[in-house]
Amino acid sequence: MAVTDAAFVAATRDSYDALADEHADVVASGLDDRPLDRALFAAFAELVRAGGNGPVADVGCGPGRVTILLSGLGLDAFGIDLSPGMLALARRTYPQLRFEEGSMLALDLADTSLGGLLAYYSIIHIPWEQRPQVFAEFHRVLAPGGLLLLTFQIGDERSQYSEFLGTSVSLDFYRQQPDEVVELLREAGFELSMTAVREREGTEKTTQGYLLARKAPSLNA
């Protein structure tokens, strides 16, 4: 079976379809309560524009709540997600933006076609052992000098959820150790620009990690 047809991919897709159908107001809520995240998006956008302002993919975009913020910052932003239900919600909410169905394990994008890529709490559903494949895909689709921004929960645990707000789901959450992710990114060919840790806020159970990396510029640039 191809890895993009693996059971965890189907389970994740079906779970988010159910959440989009039954809890659209929850999954599509804005990020007004996350000023640091919004500030990082602004810094990311400025860096992408400085590098040539190529298209930016919001990978694992869900209902598009970050895609619209990136677009508002002047980026040619579009979303990619596994879940047709989430994509339908995003298209209804932001009809002016482009949203595509796809998996970060095998992106349907040309080599070196992006100026930036954001994975906002979306690598958290990828089994740890498959992160090298994901980061290799991110490296492939980014142009030389292209920017990558990752966010995730910090830890060593794998959590499994079978229910959310009364809806049956089958979701695995993989927490990440920043040093380990940094090493994997370097092995994939990225240069690290920033690593940050934010303390827990509100109902969060763990600290939050932020990594900014750049694909090495072309030697011919």
N, C-alpha and C. Protein backbone atom coordinates (compact mmCIF):
# COMPACT_ATOMS: atom_id res chain seq x y z
N MET A 1 0.84 -1.19 0.00
CA MET A 1 0.00 0.00 0.00
C MET A 1 0.88 1.25 0.00
N ALA A 2 0.58 2.20 -0.85
CA ALA A 2 1.35 3.44 -0.88
C ALA A 2 1.20 4.18 0.43
N VAL A 3 2.27 4.88 0.82
CA VAL A 3 2.24 5.54 2.11
C VAL A 3 1.14 6.59 2.18
N THR A 4 0.82 7.24 1.05
CA THR A 4 -0.22 8.24 1.06
C THR A 4 -1.61 7.63 1.23
N ASP A 5 -1.72 6.30 1.11
CA ASP A 5 -2.99 5.62 1.34
C ASP A 5 -2.98 4.89 2.69
N ALA A 6 -2.01 5.19 3.52
CA ALA A 6 -1.88 4.49 4.80
C ALA A 6 -3.10 4.75 5.67
N ALA A 7 -3.32 3.83 6.60
CA ALA A 7 -4.50 3.90 7.44
C ALA A 7 -4.56 5.21 8.23
N PHE A 8 -3.42 5.69 8.70
CA PHE A 8 -3.46 6.91 9.51
C PHE A 8 -3.88 8.11 8.68
N VAL A 9 -3.54 8.12 7.39
CA VAL A 9 -3.95 9.23 6.52
C VAL A 9 -5.47 9.21 6.35
N ALA A 10 -6.03 8.04 6.08
CA ALA A 10 -7.48 7.92 5.92
C ALA A 10 -8.21 8.28 7.21
N ALA A 11 -7.69 7.83 8.34
CA ALA A 11 -8.33 8.12 9.62
C ALA A 11 -8.30 9.62 9.92
N THR A 12 -7.17 10.25 9.63
CA THR A 12 -7.06 11.69 9.87
C THR A 12 -8.02 12.45 8.97
N ARG A 13 -8.07 12.08 7.70
CA ARG A 13 -8.97 12.74 6.75
C ARG A 13 -10.42 12.59 7.20
N ASP A 14 -10.83 11.38 7.54
CA ASP A 14 -12.22 11.14 7.91
C ASP A 14 -12.58 11.87 9.20
N SER A 15 -11.65 11.93 10.13
CA SER A 15 -11.91 12.60 11.40
C SER A 15 -12.14 14.09 11.19
N TYR A 16 -11.31 14.71 10.37
CA TYR A 16 -11.47 16.14 10.13
C TYR A 16 -12.68 16.44 9.25
N ASP A 17 -13.06 15.51 8.40
CA ASP A 17 -14.32 15.67 7.67
C ASP A 17 -15.49 15.75 8.66
N ALA A 18 -15.47 14.86 9.65
CA ALA A 18 -16.55 14.84 10.64
C ALA A 18 -16.57 16.12 11.46
N LEU A 19 -15.38 16.60 11.84
CA LEU A 19 -15.31 17.82 12.64
C LEU A 19 -15.78 19.03 11.84
N ALA A 20 -15.43 19.09 10.57
CA ALA A 20 -15.86 20.20 9.73
C ALA A 20 -17.37 20.21 9.58
N ASP A 21 -17.96 19.02 9.53
CA ASP A 21 -19.40 18.90 9.35
C ASP A 21 -20.16 19.25 10.62
N GLU A 22 -19.65 18.84 11.77
CA GLU A 22 -20.41 18.96 13.02
C GLU A 22 -19.96 20.11 13.92
N HIS A 23 -18.75 20.62 13.72
CA HIS A 23 -18.22 21.64 14.62
C HIS A 23 -17.50 22.74 13.85
N ALA A 24 -18.13 23.21 12.78
CA ALA A 24 -17.50 24.21 11.92
C ALA A 24 -17.14 25.47 12.70
N ASP A 25 -18.00 25.86 13.64
CA ASP A 25 -17.73 27.09 14.39
C ASP A 25 -16.49 26.96 15.27
N VAL A 26 -16.20 25.75 15.74
CA VAL A 26 -15.04 25.53 16.60
C VAL A 26 -13.76 25.47 15.77
N VAL A 27 -13.75 24.66 14.73
CA VAL A 27 -12.51 24.46 13.98
C VAL A 27 -12.15 25.68 13.15
N ALA A 28 -13.12 26.54 12.86
CA ALA A 28 -12.84 27.72 12.04
C ALA A 28 -12.63 28.98 12.87
N SER A 29 -12.57 28.85 14.18
CA SER A 29 -12.39 30.03 15.03
C SER A 29 -11.08 30.72 14.70
N GLY A 30 -11.06 32.04 14.88
CA GLY A 30 -9.89 32.82 14.51
C GLY A 30 -8.74 32.69 15.49
N LEU A 31 -7.70 33.48 15.26
CA LEU A 31 -6.49 33.42 16.08
C LEU A 31 -6.27 34.74 16.81
N ASP A 32 -7.34 35.41 17.15
CA ASP A 32 -7.23 36.69 17.85
C ASP A 32 -6.57 36.54 19.22
N ASP A 33 -6.65 35.34 19.79
CA ASP A 33 -6.07 35.10 21.11
C ASP A 33 -4.63 34.61 21.03
N ARG A 34 -4.01 34.66 19.87
CA ARG A 34 -2.64 34.20 19.70
C ARG A 34 -1.78 35.29 19.05
N PRO A 35 -1.53 36.37 19.78
CA PRO A 35 -0.78 37.49 19.19
C PRO A 35 0.65 37.12 18.78
N LEU A 36 1.30 36.21 19.51
CA LEU A 36 2.65 35.82 19.13
C LEU A 36 2.64 35.10 17.79
N ASP A 37 1.70 34.22 17.61
CA ASP A 37 1.61 33.50 16.34
C ASP A 37 1.39 34.47 15.19
N ARG A 38 0.50 35.43 15.40
CA ARG A 38 0.22 36.40 14.35
C ARG A 38 1.46 37.25 14.05
N ALA A 39 2.22 37.58 15.09
CA ALA A 39 3.46 38.34 14.88
C ALA A 39 4.47 37.52 14.08
N LEU A 40 4.54 36.23 14.36
CA LEU A 40 5.45 35.36 13.60
C LEU A 40 5.01 35.24 12.14
N PHE A 41 3.71 35.18 11.90
CA PHE A 41 3.23 35.16 10.52
C PHE A 41 3.68 36.43 9.79
N ALA A 42 3.58 37.57 10.47
CA ALA A 42 3.99 38.83 9.85
C ALA A 42 5.48 38.84 9.52
N ALA A 43 6.30 38.33 10.45
CA ALA A 43 7.75 38.26 10.20
C ALA A 43 8.05 37.29 9.06
N PHE A 44 7.36 36.16 9.06
CA PHE A 44 7.51 35.17 7.99
C PHE A 44 7.16 35.79 6.64
N ALA A 45 6.04 36.53 6.59
CA ALA A 45 5.61 37.16 5.34
C ALA A 45 6.64 38.17 4.86
N GLU A 46 7.19 38.94 5.77
CA GLU A 46 8.19 39.93 5.38
C GLU A 46 9.43 39.26 4.79
N LEU A 47 9.85 38.16 5.39
CA LEU A 47 11.01 37.44 4.89
C LEU A 47 10.74 36.82 3.52
N VAL A 48 9.54 36.27 3.34
CA VAL A 48 9.19 35.68 2.04
C VAL A 48 9.18 36.76 0.97
N ARG A 49 8.59 37.91 1.28
CA ARG A 49 8.55 39.01 0.31
C ARG A 49 9.97 39.46 -0.04
N ALA A 50 10.84 39.51 0.95
CA ALA A 50 12.22 39.93 0.70
C ALA A 50 12.95 38.95 -0.20
N GLY A 51 12.51 37.69 -0.18
CA GLY A 51 13.16 36.68 -1.01
C GLY A 51 12.56 36.53 -2.39
N GLY A 52 11.58 37.35 -2.72
CA GLY A 52 11.01 37.29 -4.07
C GLY A 52 9.51 37.11 -4.11
N ASN A 53 8.88 36.88 -2.94
CA ASN A 53 7.42 36.82 -2.85
C ASN A 53 6.81 35.76 -3.76
N GLY A 54 7.41 34.55 -3.78
CA GLY A 54 6.80 33.46 -4.50
C GLY A 54 5.56 32.96 -3.78
N PRO A 55 4.80 32.06 -4.40
CA PRO A 55 3.60 31.52 -3.73
C PRO A 55 3.95 30.86 -2.40
N VAL A 56 2.99 30.88 -1.49
CA VAL A 56 3.17 30.30 -0.17
C VAL A 56 2.07 29.29 0.07
N ALA A 57 2.44 28.07 0.45
CA ALA A 57 1.48 27.02 0.75
C ALA A 57 1.27 26.89 2.25
N ASP A 58 0.01 26.93 2.66
CA ASP A 58 -0.39 26.65 4.03
C ASP A 58 -0.78 25.17 4.06
N VAL A 59 0.16 24.31 4.47
CA VAL A 59 -0.01 22.86 4.35
C VAL A 59 -0.66 22.32 5.62
N GLY A 60 -1.81 21.66 5.45
CA GLY A 60 -2.64 21.29 6.59
C GLY A 60 -3.47 22.49 7.00
N CYS A 61 -4.04 23.16 6.00
CA CYS A 61 -4.69 24.46 6.23
C CYS A 61 -6.00 24.37 6.97
N GLY A 62 -6.64 23.19 7.01
CA GLY A 62 -7.93 23.09 7.68
C GLY A 62 -8.93 24.05 7.08
N PRO A 63 -9.61 24.85 7.91
CA PRO A 63 -10.64 25.76 7.42
C PRO A 63 -10.11 27.06 6.84
N GLY A 64 -8.79 27.18 6.71
CA GLY A 64 -8.21 28.35 6.05
C GLY A 64 -7.99 29.56 6.93
N ARG A 65 -8.07 29.38 8.24
CA ARG A 65 -7.97 30.55 9.13
C ARG A 65 -6.58 31.17 9.13
N VAL A 66 -5.53 30.40 8.81
CA VAL A 66 -4.19 30.97 8.67
C VAL A 66 -3.94 31.40 7.23
N THR A 67 -4.49 30.69 6.28
CA THR A 67 -4.32 31.06 4.87
C THR A 67 -4.79 32.48 4.63
N ILE A 68 -5.92 32.85 5.20
CA ILE A 68 -6.45 34.20 4.99
C ILE A 68 -5.56 35.24 5.66
N LEU A 69 -4.94 34.90 6.79
CA LEU A 69 -4.02 35.84 7.43
C LEU A 69 -2.79 36.06 6.57
N LEU A 70 -2.26 34.99 5.99
CA LEU A 70 -1.09 35.12 5.12
C LEU A 70 -1.43 35.96 3.89
N SER A 71 -2.61 35.75 3.33
CA SER A 71 -3.05 36.53 2.19
C SER A 71 -3.16 38.01 2.57
N GLY A 72 -3.69 38.27 3.75
CA GLY A 72 -3.83 39.65 4.22
C GLY A 72 -2.49 40.33 4.46
N LEU A 73 -1.43 39.55 4.61
CA LEU A 73 -0.08 40.09 4.77
C LEU A 73 0.63 40.29 3.44
N GLY A 74 -0.12 40.14 2.36
CA GLY A 74 0.43 40.43 1.05
C GLY A 74 1.04 39.26 0.33
N LEU A 75 0.84 38.04 0.82
CA LEU A 75 1.42 36.86 0.19
C LEU A 75 0.43 36.23 -0.79
N ASP A 76 0.96 35.59 -1.81
CA ASP A 76 0.16 34.79 -2.73
C ASP A 76 -0.03 33.43 -2.07
N ALA A 77 -0.95 33.37 -1.11
CA ALA A 77 -1.11 32.19 -0.25
C ALA A 77 -2.25 31.31 -0.72
N PHE A 78 -2.04 30.01 -0.61
CA PHE A 78 -3.10 29.04 -0.89
C PHE A 78 -2.99 27.90 0.11
N GLY A 79 -4.08 27.15 0.27
CA GLY A 79 -4.13 26.10 1.27
C GLY A 79 -4.15 24.71 0.66
N ILE A 80 -3.58 23.77 1.41
CA ILE A 80 -3.59 22.34 1.05
C ILE A 80 -4.03 21.56 2.28
N ASP A 81 -4.95 20.64 2.10
CA ASP A 81 -5.40 19.83 3.23
C ASP A 81 -5.88 18.47 2.74
N LEU A 82 -5.80 17.49 3.65
CA LEU A 82 -6.29 16.14 3.37
C LEU A 82 -7.81 16.07 3.29
N SER A 83 -8.47 16.89 4.08
CA SER A 83 -9.90 16.72 4.36
C SER A 83 -10.78 17.48 3.38
N PRO A 84 -11.57 16.79 2.55
CA PRO A 84 -12.52 17.49 1.68
C PRO A 84 -13.51 18.33 2.47
N GLY A 85 -13.89 17.86 3.66
CA GLY A 85 -14.82 18.63 4.47
C GLY A 85 -14.23 19.95 4.93
N MET A 86 -12.99 19.92 5.37
CA MET A 86 -12.32 21.16 5.77
C MET A 86 -12.14 22.08 4.57
N LEU A 87 -11.79 21.53 3.43
CA LEU A 87 -11.60 22.35 2.24
C LEU A 87 -12.91 22.99 1.80
N ALA A 88 -14.01 22.26 1.91
CA ALA A 88 -15.31 22.84 1.55
C ALA A 88 -15.63 24.01 2.47
N LEU A 89 -15.33 23.86 3.77
CA LEU A 89 -15.54 24.94 4.72
C LEU A 89 -14.67 26.13 4.38
N ALA A 90 -13.40 25.88 4.07
CA ALA A 90 -12.49 26.97 3.72
C ALA A 90 -12.96 27.70 2.46
N ARG A 91 -13.40 26.96 1.46
CA ARG A 91 -13.84 27.60 0.22
C ARG A 91 -15.11 28.42 0.41
N ARG A 92 -16.00 27.95 1.28
CA ARG A 92 -17.21 28.74 1.56
C ARG A 92 -16.86 30.02 2.29
N THR A 93 -15.92 29.92 3.22
CA THR A 93 -15.59 31.06 4.06
C THR A 93 -14.72 32.08 3.34
N TYR A 94 -13.79 31.58 2.51
CA TYR A 94 -12.85 32.46 1.81
C TYR A 94 -12.85 32.12 0.32
N PRO A 95 -13.93 32.45 -0.38
CA PRO A 95 -14.04 32.06 -1.79
C PRO A 95 -13.00 32.73 -2.69
N GLN A 96 -12.37 33.77 -2.19
CA GLN A 96 -11.36 34.47 -2.99
C GLN A 96 -10.01 33.76 -2.99
N LEU A 97 -9.85 32.76 -2.13
CA LEU A 97 -8.58 32.05 -2.02
C LEU A 97 -8.66 30.67 -2.67
N ARG A 98 -7.50 30.10 -2.91
CA ARG A 98 -7.38 28.78 -3.55
C ARG A 98 -7.07 27.73 -2.48
N PHE A 99 -7.81 26.63 -2.53
CA PHE A 99 -7.60 25.52 -1.61
C PHE A 99 -7.58 24.22 -2.41
N GLU A 100 -6.59 23.37 -2.11
CA GLU A 100 -6.39 22.14 -2.86
C GLU A 100 -6.33 20.95 -1.91
N GLU A 101 -6.84 19.81 -2.37
CA GLU A 101 -6.75 18.58 -1.58
C GLU A 101 -5.39 17.93 -1.83
N GLY A 102 -4.74 17.47 -0.76
CA GLY A 102 -3.45 16.82 -0.92
C GLY A 102 -2.85 16.41 0.40
N SER A 103 -1.78 15.63 0.32
CA SER A 103 -1.07 15.13 1.49
C SER A 103 0.34 15.68 1.51
N MET A 104 0.81 16.06 2.69
CA MET A 104 2.17 16.55 2.81
C MET A 104 3.21 15.45 2.59
N LEU A 105 2.77 14.21 2.58
CA LEU A 105 3.68 13.10 2.29
C LEU A 105 4.02 13.02 0.80
N ALA A 106 3.19 13.61 -0.04
CA ALA A 106 3.42 13.58 -1.49
C ALA A 106 2.69 14.77 -2.09
N LEU A 107 3.29 15.94 -2.00
CA LEU A 107 2.65 17.17 -2.45
C LEU A 107 2.56 17.20 -3.98
N ASP A 108 1.40 17.60 -4.48
CA ASP A 108 1.19 17.70 -5.92
C ASP A 108 1.62 19.10 -6.37
N LEU A 109 2.91 19.38 -6.17
CA LEU A 109 3.49 20.68 -6.51
C LEU A 109 4.80 20.45 -7.25
N ALA A 110 5.11 21.35 -8.15
CA ALA A 110 6.35 21.24 -8.91
C ALA A 110 7.55 21.52 -8.02
N ASP A 111 8.68 20.96 -8.39
CA ASP A 111 9.93 21.25 -7.69
C ASP A 111 10.19 22.76 -7.69
N THR A 112 10.71 23.26 -6.58
CA THR A 112 11.15 24.66 -6.41
C THR A 112 10.07 25.67 -6.79
N SER A 113 8.81 25.35 -6.54
CA SER A 113 7.71 26.21 -6.98
C SER A 113 7.22 27.19 -5.92
N LEU A 114 7.69 27.07 -4.68
CA LEU A 114 7.17 27.90 -3.59
C LEU A 114 8.21 28.85 -3.04
N GLY A 115 7.75 30.03 -2.65
CA GLY A 115 8.61 30.95 -1.92
C GLY A 115 8.55 30.72 -0.43
N GLY A 116 7.49 30.07 0.04
CA GLY A 116 7.36 29.79 1.46
C GLY A 116 6.38 28.67 1.71
N LEU A 117 6.52 28.03 2.86
CA LEU A 117 5.62 26.94 3.26
C LEU A 117 5.42 27.01 4.76
N LEU A 118 4.18 27.00 5.17
CA LEU A 118 3.81 27.01 6.59
C LEU A 118 3.10 25.71 6.93
N ALA A 119 3.54 25.05 7.99
CA ALA A 119 2.85 23.88 8.52
C ALA A 119 2.48 24.20 9.96
N TYR A 120 1.29 24.74 10.14
CA TYR A 120 0.83 25.24 11.43
C TYR A 120 0.09 24.13 12.17
N TYR A 121 0.77 23.49 13.11
CA TYR A 121 0.22 22.37 13.87
C TYR A 121 -0.33 21.29 12.94
N SER A 122 0.38 21.00 11.86
CA SER A 122 -0.07 19.94 10.95
C SER A 122 0.90 18.76 10.89
N ILE A 123 2.18 18.96 11.22
CA ILE A 123 3.07 17.78 11.28
C ILE A 123 2.75 16.93 12.51
N ILE A 124 1.89 17.44 13.40
CA ILE A 124 1.58 16.72 14.64
C ILE A 124 0.83 15.41 14.39
N HIS A 125 0.28 15.23 13.19
CA HIS A 125 -0.43 13.98 12.89
C HIS A 125 0.44 12.99 12.11
N ILE A 126 1.67 13.36 11.83
CA ILE A 126 2.57 12.49 11.07
C ILE A 126 3.36 11.58 12.01
N PRO A 127 3.33 10.27 11.81
CA PRO A 127 4.16 9.39 12.65
C PRO A 127 5.61 9.85 12.63
N TRP A 128 6.26 9.79 13.78
CA TRP A 128 7.62 10.30 13.90
C TRP A 128 8.55 9.77 12.81
N GLU A 129 8.41 8.47 12.51
CA GLU A 129 9.34 7.86 11.56
C GLU A 129 9.14 8.35 10.13
N GLN A 130 8.02 9.03 9.86
CA GLN A 130 7.77 9.52 8.51
C GLN A 130 8.09 11.01 8.35
N ARG A 131 8.60 11.63 9.40
CA ARG A 131 8.97 13.04 9.27
C ARG A 131 10.06 13.28 8.22
N PRO A 132 11.08 12.41 8.06
CA PRO A 132 12.05 12.66 7.00
C PRO A 132 11.42 12.76 5.62
N GLN A 133 10.42 11.95 5.34
CA GLN A 133 9.73 12.00 4.05
C GLN A 133 9.01 13.34 3.88
N VAL A 134 8.36 13.80 4.95
CA VAL A 134 7.65 15.07 4.89
C VAL A 134 8.62 16.22 4.67
N PHE A 135 9.71 16.24 5.43
CA PHE A 135 10.65 17.35 5.31
C PHE A 135 11.37 17.33 3.96
N ALA A 136 11.57 16.15 3.41
CA ALA A 136 12.14 16.06 2.06
C ALA A 136 11.18 16.66 1.03
N GLU A 137 9.88 16.41 1.21
CA GLU A 137 8.88 17.01 0.32
C GLU A 137 8.87 18.53 0.45
N PHE A 138 8.93 19.02 1.69
CA PHE A 138 8.95 20.47 1.89
C PHE A 138 10.18 21.08 1.19
N HIS A 139 11.32 20.42 1.32
CA HIS A 139 12.54 20.91 0.70
C HIS A 139 12.41 20.88 -0.83
N ARG A 140 11.81 19.84 -1.35
CA ARG A 140 11.68 19.69 -2.81
C ARG A 140 10.87 20.84 -3.41
N VAL A 141 9.76 21.20 -2.79
CA VAL A 141 8.85 22.16 -3.42
C VAL A 141 9.26 23.62 -3.17
N LEU A 142 10.15 23.87 -2.21
CA LEU A 142 10.59 25.23 -1.95
C LEU A 142 11.68 25.63 -2.94
N ALA A 143 11.60 26.87 -3.40
CA ALA A 143 12.66 27.41 -4.23
C ALA A 143 13.90 27.65 -3.38
N PRO A 144 15.07 27.71 -3.99
CA PRO A 144 16.27 28.07 -3.23
C PRO A 144 16.06 29.38 -2.47
N GLY A 145 16.37 29.37 -1.20
CA GLY A 145 16.13 30.53 -0.34
C GLY A 145 14.73 30.58 0.23
N GLY A 146 13.86 29.62 -0.14
CA GLY A 146 12.48 29.61 0.35
C GLY A 146 12.41 29.34 1.84
N LEU A 147 11.35 29.88 2.48
CA LEU A 147 11.19 29.82 3.94
C LEU A 147 10.20 28.75 4.37
N LEU A 148 10.53 28.08 5.47
CA LEU A 148 9.65 27.08 6.08
C LEU A 148 9.40 27.48 7.52
N LEU A 149 8.12 27.52 7.93
CA LEU A 149 7.75 27.80 9.31
C LEU A 149 6.92 26.63 9.84
N LEU A 150 7.38 26.05 10.95
CA LEU A 150 6.69 24.93 11.61
C LEU A 150 6.25 25.34 13.00
N THR A 151 5.08 24.88 13.41
CA THR A 151 4.64 25.02 14.81
C THR A 151 4.13 23.66 15.28
N PHE A 152 4.32 23.39 16.59
CA PHE A 152 3.94 22.09 17.14
C PHE A 152 3.95 22.16 18.65
N GLN A 153 3.34 21.15 19.29
CA GLN A 153 3.42 20.99 20.73
C GLN A 153 4.71 20.24 21.09
N ILE A 154 5.34 20.66 22.16
CA ILE A 154 6.61 20.06 22.57
C ILE A 154 6.37 18.91 23.54
N GLY A 155 7.09 17.82 23.33
CA GLY A 155 6.99 16.68 24.22
C GLY A 155 7.46 15.42 23.54
N ASP A 156 7.26 14.30 24.22
CA ASP A 156 7.67 12.99 23.69
C ASP A 156 6.48 12.06 23.49
N GLU A 157 5.27 12.53 23.78
CA GLU A 157 4.13 11.63 23.83
C GLU A 157 3.44 11.49 22.48
N ARG A 158 2.85 10.32 22.31
CA ARG A 158 1.88 10.10 21.24
C ARG A 158 0.52 9.93 21.92
N SER A 159 -0.43 10.77 21.54
CA SER A 159 -1.77 10.71 22.12
C SER A 159 -2.75 10.25 21.06
N GLN A 160 -3.75 9.49 21.49
CA GLN A 160 -4.78 9.00 20.59
C GLN A 160 -6.15 9.47 21.09
N TYR A 161 -6.93 10.02 20.18
CA TYR A 161 -8.25 10.52 20.53
C TYR A 161 -9.31 9.81 19.70
N SER A 162 -10.35 9.38 20.37
CA SER A 162 -11.46 8.71 19.69
C SER A 162 -12.74 9.54 19.73
N GLU A 163 -12.68 10.70 20.40
CA GLU A 163 -13.87 11.53 20.52
C GLU A 163 -13.48 12.98 20.70
N PHE A 164 -14.23 13.89 20.08
CA PHE A 164 -14.06 15.34 20.28
C PHE A 164 -15.43 15.98 20.25
N LEU A 165 -15.80 16.61 21.37
CA LEU A 165 -17.09 17.29 21.50
C LEU A 165 -18.26 16.38 21.07
N GLY A 166 -18.14 15.12 21.44
CA GLY A 166 -19.20 14.17 21.14
C GLY A 166 -19.14 13.55 19.76
N THR A 167 -18.17 13.93 18.97
CA THR A 167 -18.00 13.38 17.62
C THR A 167 -16.94 12.29 17.63
N SER A 168 -17.22 11.16 17.00
CA SER A 168 -16.25 10.07 16.92
C SER A 168 -15.14 10.44 15.95
N VAL A 169 -13.91 10.33 16.41
CA VAL A 169 -12.74 10.59 15.56
C VAL A 169 -11.72 9.49 15.81
N SER A 170 -10.70 9.48 14.98
CA SER A 170 -9.56 8.57 15.17
C SER A 170 -8.32 9.36 14.81
N LEU A 171 -7.79 10.09 15.80
CA LEU A 171 -6.69 11.01 15.57
C LEU A 171 -5.51 10.69 16.48
N ASP A 172 -4.34 10.62 15.89
CA ASP A 172 -3.10 10.49 16.64
C ASP A 172 -2.39 11.84 16.63
N PHE A 173 -1.88 12.23 17.80
CA PHE A 173 -1.13 13.46 17.94
C PHE A 173 0.28 13.11 18.41
N TYR A 174 1.26 13.57 17.66
CA TYR A 174 2.66 13.30 17.97
C TYR A 174 3.33 14.60 18.40
N ARG A 175 3.71 14.66 19.66
CA ARG A 175 4.46 15.83 20.12
C ARG A 175 5.91 15.72 19.62
N GLN A 176 6.59 16.86 19.63
CA GLN A 176 7.90 16.96 19.01
C GLN A 176 8.92 17.56 19.97
N GLN A 177 10.17 17.13 19.83
CA GLN A 177 11.28 17.76 20.53
C GLN A 177 12.00 18.68 19.54
N PRO A 178 12.10 19.98 19.85
CA PRO A 178 12.70 20.92 18.89
C PRO A 178 14.06 20.49 18.38
N ASP A 179 14.95 20.03 19.26
CA ASP A 179 16.30 19.65 18.82
C ASP A 179 16.25 18.52 17.79
N GLU A 180 15.31 17.59 17.99
CA GLU A 180 15.18 16.47 17.06
C GLU A 180 14.66 16.95 15.71
N VAL A 181 13.67 17.86 15.74
CA VAL A 181 13.14 18.39 14.49
C VAL A 181 14.21 19.19 13.76
N VAL A 182 14.99 19.97 14.51
CA VAL A 182 16.09 20.74 13.90
C VAL A 182 17.05 19.81 13.16
N GLU A 183 17.42 18.72 13.78
CA GLU A 183 18.36 17.79 13.16
C GLU A 183 17.77 17.17 11.90
N LEU A 184 16.48 16.82 11.94
CA LEU A 184 15.83 16.25 10.77
C LEU A 184 15.77 17.26 9.63
N LEU A 185 15.51 18.52 9.96
CA LEU A 185 15.47 19.55 8.94
C LEU A 185 16.85 19.75 8.31
N ARG A 186 17.88 19.74 9.12
CA ARG A 186 19.23 19.88 8.59
C ARG A 186 19.57 18.72 7.66
N GLU A 187 19.16 17.51 8.06
CA GLU A 187 19.41 16.35 7.21
C GLU A 187 18.67 16.46 5.88
N ALA A 188 17.54 17.17 5.89
CA ALA A 188 16.76 17.36 4.66
C ALA A 188 17.32 18.48 3.79
N GLY A 189 18.29 19.23 4.31
CA GLY A 189 18.92 20.28 3.51
C GLY A 189 18.55 21.69 3.89
N PHE A 190 17.90 21.87 5.04
CA PHE A 190 17.51 23.21 5.48
C PHE A 190 18.58 23.85 6.35
N GLU A 191 18.59 25.17 6.33
CA GLU A 191 19.40 25.96 7.25
C GLU A 191 18.47 26.58 8.28
N LEU A 192 18.76 26.40 9.56
CA LEU A 192 17.89 26.88 10.61
C LEU A 192 18.11 28.37 10.85
N SER A 193 17.00 29.11 10.93
CA SER A 193 17.06 30.54 11.19
C SER A 193 16.61 30.89 12.60
N MET A 194 15.64 30.16 13.15
CA MET A 194 15.10 30.50 14.46
C MET A 194 14.46 29.27 15.10
N THR A 195 14.69 29.11 16.39
CA THR A 195 13.96 28.14 17.21
C THR A 195 13.42 28.89 18.41
N ALA A 196 12.12 28.74 18.70
CA ALA A 196 11.52 29.44 19.82
C ALA A 196 10.58 28.51 20.57
N VAL A 197 10.46 28.76 21.86
CA VAL A 197 9.56 27.99 22.72
C VAL A 197 8.64 28.98 23.44
N ARG A 198 7.35 28.71 23.41
CA ARG A 198 6.39 29.53 24.14
C ARG A 198 5.81 28.72 25.29
N GLU A 199 5.70 29.33 26.45
CA GLU A 199 5.14 28.65 27.61
C GLU A 199 3.65 28.41 27.42
N ARG A 200 3.12 27.51 28.20
CA ARG A 200 1.70 27.17 28.12
C ARG A 200 0.82 28.37 28.43
N GLU A 201 -0.30 28.45 27.75
CA GLU A 201 -1.30 29.48 28.02
C GLU A 201 -2.67 28.83 28.09
N GLY A 202 -3.53 29.37 28.92
CA GLY A 202 -4.92 28.89 28.98
C GLY A 202 -5.01 27.42 29.26
N THR A 203 -5.68 26.69 28.38
CA THR A 203 -5.91 25.26 28.57
C THR A 203 -4.81 24.39 27.94
N GLU A 204 -3.79 24.99 27.40
CA GLU A 204 -2.71 24.21 26.77
C GLU A 204 -2.04 23.31 27.79
N LYS A 205 -1.69 22.10 27.37
CA LYS A 205 -1.09 21.11 28.26
C LYS A 205 0.42 21.07 28.18
N THR A 206 0.99 21.75 27.19
CA THR A 206 2.42 21.66 26.98
C THR A 206 2.94 22.96 26.38
N THR A 207 4.24 23.14 26.41
CA THR A 207 4.85 24.27 25.74
C THR A 207 4.75 24.09 24.22
N GLN A 208 4.89 25.20 23.50
CA GLN A 208 4.70 25.21 22.06
C GLN A 208 6.02 25.54 21.37
N GLY A 209 6.29 24.86 20.25
CA GLY A 209 7.54 25.06 19.53
C GLY A 209 7.34 25.74 18.19
N TYR A 210 8.31 26.58 17.82
CA TYR A 210 8.29 27.31 16.55
C TYR A 210 9.66 27.19 15.91
N LEU A 211 9.70 26.80 14.65
CA LEU A 211 10.96 26.67 13.93
C LEU A 211 10.84 27.38 12.58
N LEU A 212 11.82 28.21 12.29
CA LEU A 212 11.91 28.86 11.00
C LEU A 212 13.19 28.39 10.33
N ALA A 213 13.07 27.89 9.10
CA ALA A 213 14.21 27.37 8.37
C ALA A 213 14.17 27.87 6.93
N ARG A 214 15.32 27.81 6.28
CA ARG A 214 15.43 28.27 4.90
C ARG A 214 16.11 27.19 4.06
N LYS A 215 15.56 26.98 2.86
CA LYS A 215 16.27 26.14 1.90
C LYS A 215 17.49 26.90 1.41
N ALA A 216 18.62 26.25 1.39
CA ALA A 216 19.86 26.93 1.01
C ALA A 216 19.71 27.60 -0.35
N PRO A 217 20.15 28.86 -0.46
CA PRO A 217 20.10 29.54 -1.75
C PRO A 217 20.94 28.83 -2.79
N SER A 218 20.58 28.99 -4.04
CA SER A 218 21.34 28.40 -5.13
C SER A 218 22.72 29.02 -5.19
N LEU A 219 23.73 28.20 -5.47
CA LEU A 219 25.10 28.70 -5.59
C LEU A 219 25.25 29.60 -6.81
N ASN A 220 24.28 29.51 -7.72
CA ASN A 220 24.35 30.32 -8.94
C ASN A 220 23.61 31.65 -8.79
N ALA A 221 23.00 31.87 -7.59
CA ALA A 221 22.22 33.09 -7.39
C ALA A 221 23.14 34.30 -7.36
